[in-house]
Amino acid sequence: MKRKKLRKKIESLREQIKEHEEKIEAERKKSFPHEGCIAHWEREIMTFEKQIEKAMKKLEE
């Protein structure tokens, strides 16, 4: 993958992480937060972070 695409992918993943963190925060503010949704978004954040790590390693090559 080209460097420009890798940088764009990293940027996109960071944006998705931010969006998911906002969703989690909004859900936790509810009277009865849906823990299933929160857990799902947290797992996705972990996946995004792993993808960022891999992309960063490729950029360093």
PDB file of N, CA and C in Angstrom:
ATOM      1  N   MET A   1       0.848  -1.174   0.000  1.00  0.00           N
ATOM      2  CA  MET A   1       0.000   0.000   0.000  1.00  0.00           C
ATOM      3  C   MET A   1       0.896   1.240   0.000  1.00  0.00           C
ATOM      4  N   LYS A   2       0.512   2.227  -0.753  1.00  0.00           N
ATOM      5  CA  LYS A   2       1.313   3.440  -0.836  1.00  0.00           C
ATOM      6  C   LYS A   2       1.216   4.248   0.451  1.00  0.00           C
ATOM      7  N   ARG A   3       2.249   5.043   0.670  1.00  0.00           N
ATOM      8  CA  ARG A   3       2.334   5.831   1.902  1.00  0.00           C
ATOM      9  C   ARG A   3       1.143   6.772   2.066  1.00  0.00           C
ATOM     10  N   LYS A   4       0.728   7.384   0.972  1.00  0.00           N
ATOM     11  CA  LYS A   4      -0.396   8.322   1.044  1.00  0.00           C
ATOM     12  C   LYS A   4      -1.671   7.596   1.477  1.00  0.00           C
ATOM     13  N   LYS A   5      -1.885   6.409   0.927  1.00  0.00           N
ATOM     14  CA  LYS A   5      -3.065   5.628   1.297  1.00  0.00           C
ATOM     15  C   LYS A   5      -2.993   5.196   2.759  1.00  0.00           C
ATOM     16  N   LEU A   6      -1.796   4.831   3.202  1.00  0.00           N
ATOM     17  CA  LEU A   6      -1.632   4.427   4.601  1.00  0.00           C
ATOM     18  C   LEU A   6      -1.956   5.581   5.541  1.00  0.00           C
ATOM     19  N   ARG A   7      -1.459   6.762   5.199  1.00  0.00           N
ATOM     20  CA  ARG A   7      -1.737   7.930   6.044  1.00  0.00           C
ATOM     21  C   ARG A   7      -3.233   8.233   6.075  1.00  0.00           C
ATOM     22  N   LYS A   8      -3.865   8.116   4.918  1.00  0.00           N
ATOM     23  CA  LYS A   8      -5.303   8.370   4.835  1.00  0.00           C
ATOM     24  C   LYS A   8      -6.076   7.330   5.655  1.00  0.00           C
ATOM     25  N   LYS A   9      -5.634   6.085   5.584  1.00  0.00           N
ATOM     26  CA  LYS A   9      -6.278   5.020   6.350  1.00  0.00           C
ATOM     27  C   LYS A   9      -6.152   5.285   7.849  1.00  0.00           C
ATOM     28  N   ILE A  10      -4.962   5.682   8.276  1.00  0.00           N
ATOM     29  CA  ILE A  10      -4.733   5.980   9.690  1.00  0.00           C
ATOM     30  C   ILE A  10      -5.637   7.127  10.138  1.00  0.00           C
ATOM     31  N   GLU A  11      -5.712   8.158   9.326  1.00  0.00           N
ATOM     32  CA  GLU A  11      -6.561   9.309   9.653  1.00  0.00           C
ATOM     33  C   GLU A  11      -8.027   8.884   9.768  1.00  0.00           C
ATOM     34  N   SER A  12      -8.466   8.066   8.837  1.00  0.00           N
ATOM     35  CA  SER A  12      -9.846   7.585   8.847  1.00  0.00           C
ATOM     36  C   SER A  12     -10.132   6.750  10.095  1.00  0.00           C
ATOM     37  N   LEU A  13      -9.208   5.888  10.450  1.00  0.00           N
ATOM     38  CA  LEU A  13      -9.387   5.051  11.639  1.00  0.00           C
ATOM     39  C   LEU A  13      -9.443   5.901  12.907  1.00  0.00           C
ATOM     40  N   ARG A  14      -8.618   6.925  12.964  1.00  0.00           N
ATOM     41  CA  ARG A  14      -8.641   7.817  14.133  1.00  0.00           C
ATOM     42  C   ARG A  14      -9.976   8.546  14.233  1.00  0.00           C
ATOM     43  N   GLU A  15     -10.525   8.934  13.093  1.00  0.00           N
ATOM     44  CA  GLU A  15     -11.839   9.582  13.087  1.00  0.00           C
ATOM     45  C   GLU A  15     -12.916   8.613  13.574  1.00  0.00           C
ATOM     46  N   GLN A  16     -12.821   7.363  13.138  1.00  0.00           N
ATOM     47  CA  GLN A  16     -13.795   6.361  13.572  1.00  0.00           C
ATOM     48  C   GLN A  16     -13.696   6.118  15.077  1.00  0.00           C
ATOM     49  N   ILE A  17     -12.479   6.108  15.589  1.00  0.00           N
ATOM     50  CA  ILE A  17     -12.293   5.937  17.035  1.00  0.00           C
ATOM     51  C   ILE A  17     -12.968   7.087  17.777  1.00  0.00           C
ATOM     52  N   LYS A  18     -12.747   8.289  17.294  1.00  0.00           N
ATOM     53  CA  LYS A  18     -13.350   9.463  17.933  1.00  0.00           C
ATOM     54  C   LYS A  18     -14.877   9.369  17.912  1.00  0.00           C
ATOM     55  N   GLU A  19     -15.429   8.971  16.769  1.00  0.00           N
ATOM     56  CA  GLU A  19     -16.884   8.829  16.654  1.00  0.00           C
ATOM     57  C   GLU A  19     -17.406   7.777  17.636  1.00  0.00           C
ATOM     58  N   HIS A  20     -16.708   6.670  17.739  1.00  0.00           N
ATOM     59  CA  HIS A  20     -17.138   5.606  18.645  1.00  0.00           C
ATOM     60  C   HIS A  20     -17.041   6.058  20.108  1.00  0.00           C
ATOM     61  N   GLU A  21     -15.993   6.803  20.429  1.00  0.00           N
ATOM     62  CA  GLU A  21     -15.863   7.313  21.798  1.00  0.00           C
ATOM     63  C   GLU A  21     -17.017   8.254  22.132  1.00  0.00           C
ATOM     64  N   GLU A  22     -17.428   9.055  21.152  1.00  0.00           N
ATOM     65  CA  GLU A  22     -18.565   9.955  21.358  1.00  0.00           C
ATOM     66  C   GLU A  22     -19.858   9.165  21.549  1.00  0.00           C
ATOM     67  N   LYS A  23     -20.019   8.095  20.771  1.00  0.00           N
ATOM     68  CA  LYS A  23     -21.205   7.244  20.914  1.00  0.00           C
ATOM     69  C   LYS A  23     -21.243   6.614  22.307  1.00  0.00           C
ATOM     70  N   ILE A  24     -20.090   6.138  22.758  1.00  0.00           N
ATOM     71  CA  ILE A  24     -20.009   5.509  24.081  1.00  0.00           C
ATOM     72  C   ILE A  24     -20.368   6.522  25.161  1.00  0.00           C
ATOM     73  N   GLU A  25     -19.807   7.707  25.048  1.00  0.00           N
ATOM     74  CA  GLU A  25     -20.080   8.752  26.038  1.00  0.00           C
ATOM     75  C   GLU A  25     -21.571   9.098  26.066  1.00  0.00           C
ATOM     76  N   ALA A  26     -22.170   9.240  24.893  1.00  0.00           N
ATOM     77  CA  ALA A  26     -23.598   9.570  24.814  1.00  0.00           C
ATOM     78  C   ALA A  26     -24.447   8.441  25.395  1.00  0.00           C
ATOM     79  N   GLU A  27     -24.069   7.217  25.099  1.00  0.00           N
ATOM     80  CA  GLU A  27     -24.834   6.066  25.594  1.00  0.00           C
ATOM     81  C   GLU A  27     -24.742   5.969  27.115  1.00  0.00           C
ATOM     82  N   ARG A  28     -23.580   6.241  27.664  1.00  0.00           N
ATOM     83  CA  ARG A  28     -23.397   6.154  29.120  1.00  0.00           C
ATOM     84  C   ARG A  28     -24.178   7.228  29.868  1.00  0.00           C
ATOM     85  N   LYS A  29     -24.502   8.314  29.193  1.00  0.00           N
ATOM     86  CA  LYS A  29     -25.262   9.391  29.831  1.00  0.00           C
ATOM     87  C   LYS A  29     -26.747   9.059  29.945  1.00  0.00           C
ATOM     88  N   LYS A  30     -27.188   8.056  29.206  1.00  0.00           N
ATOM     89  CA  LYS A  30     -28.602   7.671  29.241  1.00  0.00           C
ATOM     90  C   LYS A  30     -28.953   7.041  30.585  1.00  0.00           C
ATOM     91  N   SER A  31     -30.231   7.082  30.912  1.00  0.00           N
ATOM     92  CA  SER A  31     -30.707   6.483  32.164  1.00  0.00           C
ATOM     93  C   SER A  31     -30.407   4.993  32.214  1.00  0.00           C
ATOM     94  N   PHE A  32     -30.636   4.338  31.092  1.00  0.00           N
ATOM     95  CA  PHE A  32     -30.390   2.900  31.003  1.00  0.00           C
ATOM     96  C   PHE A  32     -29.510   2.624  29.785  1.00  0.00           C
ATOM     97  N   PRO A  33     -28.204   2.812  29.938  1.00  0.00           N
ATOM     98  CA  PRO A  33     -27.311   2.599  28.793  1.00  0.00           C
ATOM     99  C   PRO A  33     -27.325   1.146  28.326  1.00  0.00           C
ATOM    100  N   HIS A  34     -27.227   0.975  27.036  1.00  0.00           N
ATOM    101  CA  HIS A  34     -27.208  -0.359  26.435  1.00  0.00           C
ATOM    102  C   HIS A  34     -25.768  -0.861  26.459  1.00  0.00           C
ATOM    103  N   GLU A  35     -25.485  -1.717  27.425  1.00  0.00           N
ATOM    104  CA  GLU A  35     -24.115  -2.203  27.623  1.00  0.00           C
ATOM    105  C   GLU A  35     -23.608  -3.014  26.431  1.00  0.00           C
ATOM    106  N   GLY A  36     -24.520  -3.660  25.720  1.00  0.00           N
ATOM    107  CA  GLY A  36     -24.122  -4.428  24.541  1.00  0.00           C
ATOM    108  C   GLY A  36     -23.531  -3.532  23.463  1.00  0.00           C
ATOM    109  N   CYS A  37     -24.161  -2.397  23.250  1.00  0.00           N
ATOM    110  CA  CYS A  37     -23.651  -1.434  22.258  1.00  0.00           C
ATOM    111  C   CYS A  37     -22.295  -0.887  22.698  1.00  0.00           C
ATOM    112  N   ILE A  38     -22.198  -0.547  23.958  1.00  0.00           N
ATOM    113  CA  ILE A  38     -20.943   0.004  24.478  1.00  0.00           C
ATOM    114  C   ILE A  38     -19.814  -1.010  24.303  1.00  0.00           C
ATOM    115  N   ALA A  39     -20.069  -2.255  24.648  1.00  0.00           N
ATOM    116  CA  ALA A  39     -19.049  -3.299  24.511  1.00  0.00           C
ATOM    117  C   ALA A  39     -18.653  -3.477  23.046  1.00  0.00           C
ATOM    118  N   HIS A  40     -19.631  -3.426  22.167  1.00  0.00           N
ATOM    119  CA  HIS A  40     -19.362  -3.570  20.729  1.00  0.00           C
ATOM    120  C   HIS A  40     -18.455  -2.445  20.240  1.00  0.00           C
ATOM    121  N   TRP A  41     -18.801  -1.216  20.604  1.00  0.00           N
ATOM    122  CA  TRP A  41     -18.003  -0.069  20.164  1.00  0.00           C
ATOM    123  C   TRP A  41     -16.594  -0.124  20.749  1.00  0.00           C
ATOM    124  N   GLU A  42     -16.470  -0.582  21.984  1.00  0.00           N
ATOM    125  CA  GLU A  42     -15.143  -0.699  22.597  1.00  0.00           C
ATOM    126  C   GLU A  42     -14.292  -1.741  21.865  1.00  0.00           C
ATOM    127  N   ARG A  43     -14.923  -2.846  21.467  1.00  0.00           N
ATOM    128  CA  ARG A  43     -14.189  -3.865  20.700  1.00  0.00           C
ATOM    129  C   ARG A  43     -13.756  -3.304  19.347  1.00  0.00           C
ATOM    130  N   GLU A  44     -14.634  -2.541  18.722  1.00  0.00           N
ATOM    131  CA  GLU A  44     -14.276  -1.944  17.435  1.00  0.00           C
ATOM    132  C   GLU A  44     -13.115  -0.961  17.594  1.00  0.00           C
ATOM    133  N   ILE A  45     -13.116  -0.194  18.664  1.00  0.00           N
ATOM    134  CA  ILE A  45     -12.017   0.738  18.918  1.00  0.00           C
ATOM    135  C   ILE A  45     -10.700  -0.026  19.035  1.00  0.00           C
ATOM    136  N   MET A  46     -10.721  -1.148  19.751  1.00  0.00           N
ATOM    137  CA  MET A  46      -9.504  -1.954  19.880  1.00  0.00           C
ATOM    138  C   MET A  46      -9.033  -2.454  18.512  1.00  0.00           C
ATOM    139  N   THR A  47      -9.978  -2.864  17.681  1.00  0.00           N
ATOM    140  CA  THR A  47      -9.639  -3.326  16.336  1.00  0.00           C
ATOM    141  C   THR A  47      -9.037  -2.187  15.516  1.00  0.00           C
ATOM    142  N   PHE A  48      -9.643  -1.015  15.602  1.00  0.00           N
ATOM    143  CA  PHE A  48      -9.123   0.143  14.869  1.00  0.00           C
ATOM    144  C   PHE A  48      -7.705   0.474  15.328  1.00  0.00           C
ATOM    145  N   GLU A  49      -7.469   0.399  16.630  1.00  0.00           N
ATOM    146  CA  GLU A  49      -6.137   0.700  17.161  1.00  0.00           C
ATOM    147  C   GLU A  49      -5.097  -0.298  16.643  1.00  0.00           C
ATOM    148  N   LYS A  50      -5.473  -1.556  16.553  1.00  0.00           N
ATOM    149  CA  LYS A  50      -4.560  -2.566  16.013  1.00  0.00           C
ATOM    150  C   LYS A  50      -4.266  -2.289  14.544  1.00  0.00           C
ATOM    151  N   GLN A  51      -5.290  -1.880  13.806  1.00  0.00           N
ATOM    152  CA  GLN A  51      -5.099  -1.561  12.394  1.00  0.00           C
ATOM    153  C   GLN A  51      -4.180  -0.353  12.230  1.00  0.00           C
ATOM    154  N   ILE A  52      -4.314   0.618  13.124  1.00  0.00           N
ATOM    155  CA  ILE A  52      -3.436   1.790  13.089  1.00  0.00           C
ATOM    156  C   ILE A  52      -1.995   1.365  13.336  1.00  0.00           C
ATOM    157  N   GLU A  53      -1.794   0.497  14.327  1.00  0.00           N
ATOM    158  CA  GLU A  53      -0.445   0.010  14.628  1.00  0.00           C
ATOM    159  C   GLU A  53       0.181  -0.663  13.406  1.00  0.00           C
ATOM    160  N   LYS A  54      -0.582  -1.515  12.745  1.00  0.00           N
ATOM    161  CA  LYS A  54      -0.073  -2.210  11.561  1.00  0.00           C
ATOM    162  C   LYS A  54       0.276  -1.218  10.454  1.00  0.00           C
ATOM    163  N   ALA A  55      -0.589  -0.250  10.246  1.00  0.00           N
ATOM    164  CA  ALA A  55      -0.346   0.747   9.202  1.00  0.00           C
ATOM    165  C   ALA A  55       0.884   1.589   9.536  1.00  0.00           C
ATOM    166  N   MET A  56       1.053   1.917  10.806  1.00  0.00           N
ATOM    167  CA  MET A  56       2.221   2.701  11.224  1.00  0.00           C
ATOM    168  C   MET A  56       3.511   1.914  10.978  1.00  0.00           C
ATOM    169  N   LYS A  57       3.478   0.626  11.257  1.00  0.00           N
ATOM    170  CA  LYS A  57       4.657  -0.209  11.017  1.00  0.00           C
ATOM    171  C   LYS A  57       4.998  -0.244   9.535  1.00  0.00           C
ATOM    172  N   LYS A  58       3.972  -0.322   8.690  1.00  0.00           N
ATOM    173  CA  LYS A  58       4.210  -0.331   7.249  1.00  0.00           C
ATOM    174  C   LYS A  58       4.794   1.002   6.788  1.00  0.00           C
ATOM    175  N   LEU A  59       4.362   2.085   7.407  1.00  0.00           N
ATOM    176  CA  LEU A  59       4.900   3.399   7.056  1.00  0.00           C
ATOM    177  C   LEU A  59       6.380   3.504   7.407  1.00  0.00           C
ATOM    178  N   GLU A  60       6.769   2.841   8.482  1.00  0.00           N
ATOM    179  CA  GLU A  60       8.158   2.900   8.933  1.00  0.00           C
ATOM    180  C   GLU A  60       9.091   2.073   8.060  1.00  0.00           C
ATOM    181  N   GLU A  61       8.540   1.158   7.292  1.00  0.00           N
ATOM    182  CA  GLU A  61       9.375   0.284   6.448  1.00  0.00           C
ATOM    183  C   GLU A  61      10.008   1.053   5.313  1.00  0.00           C
TER     184      GLU A  61
END
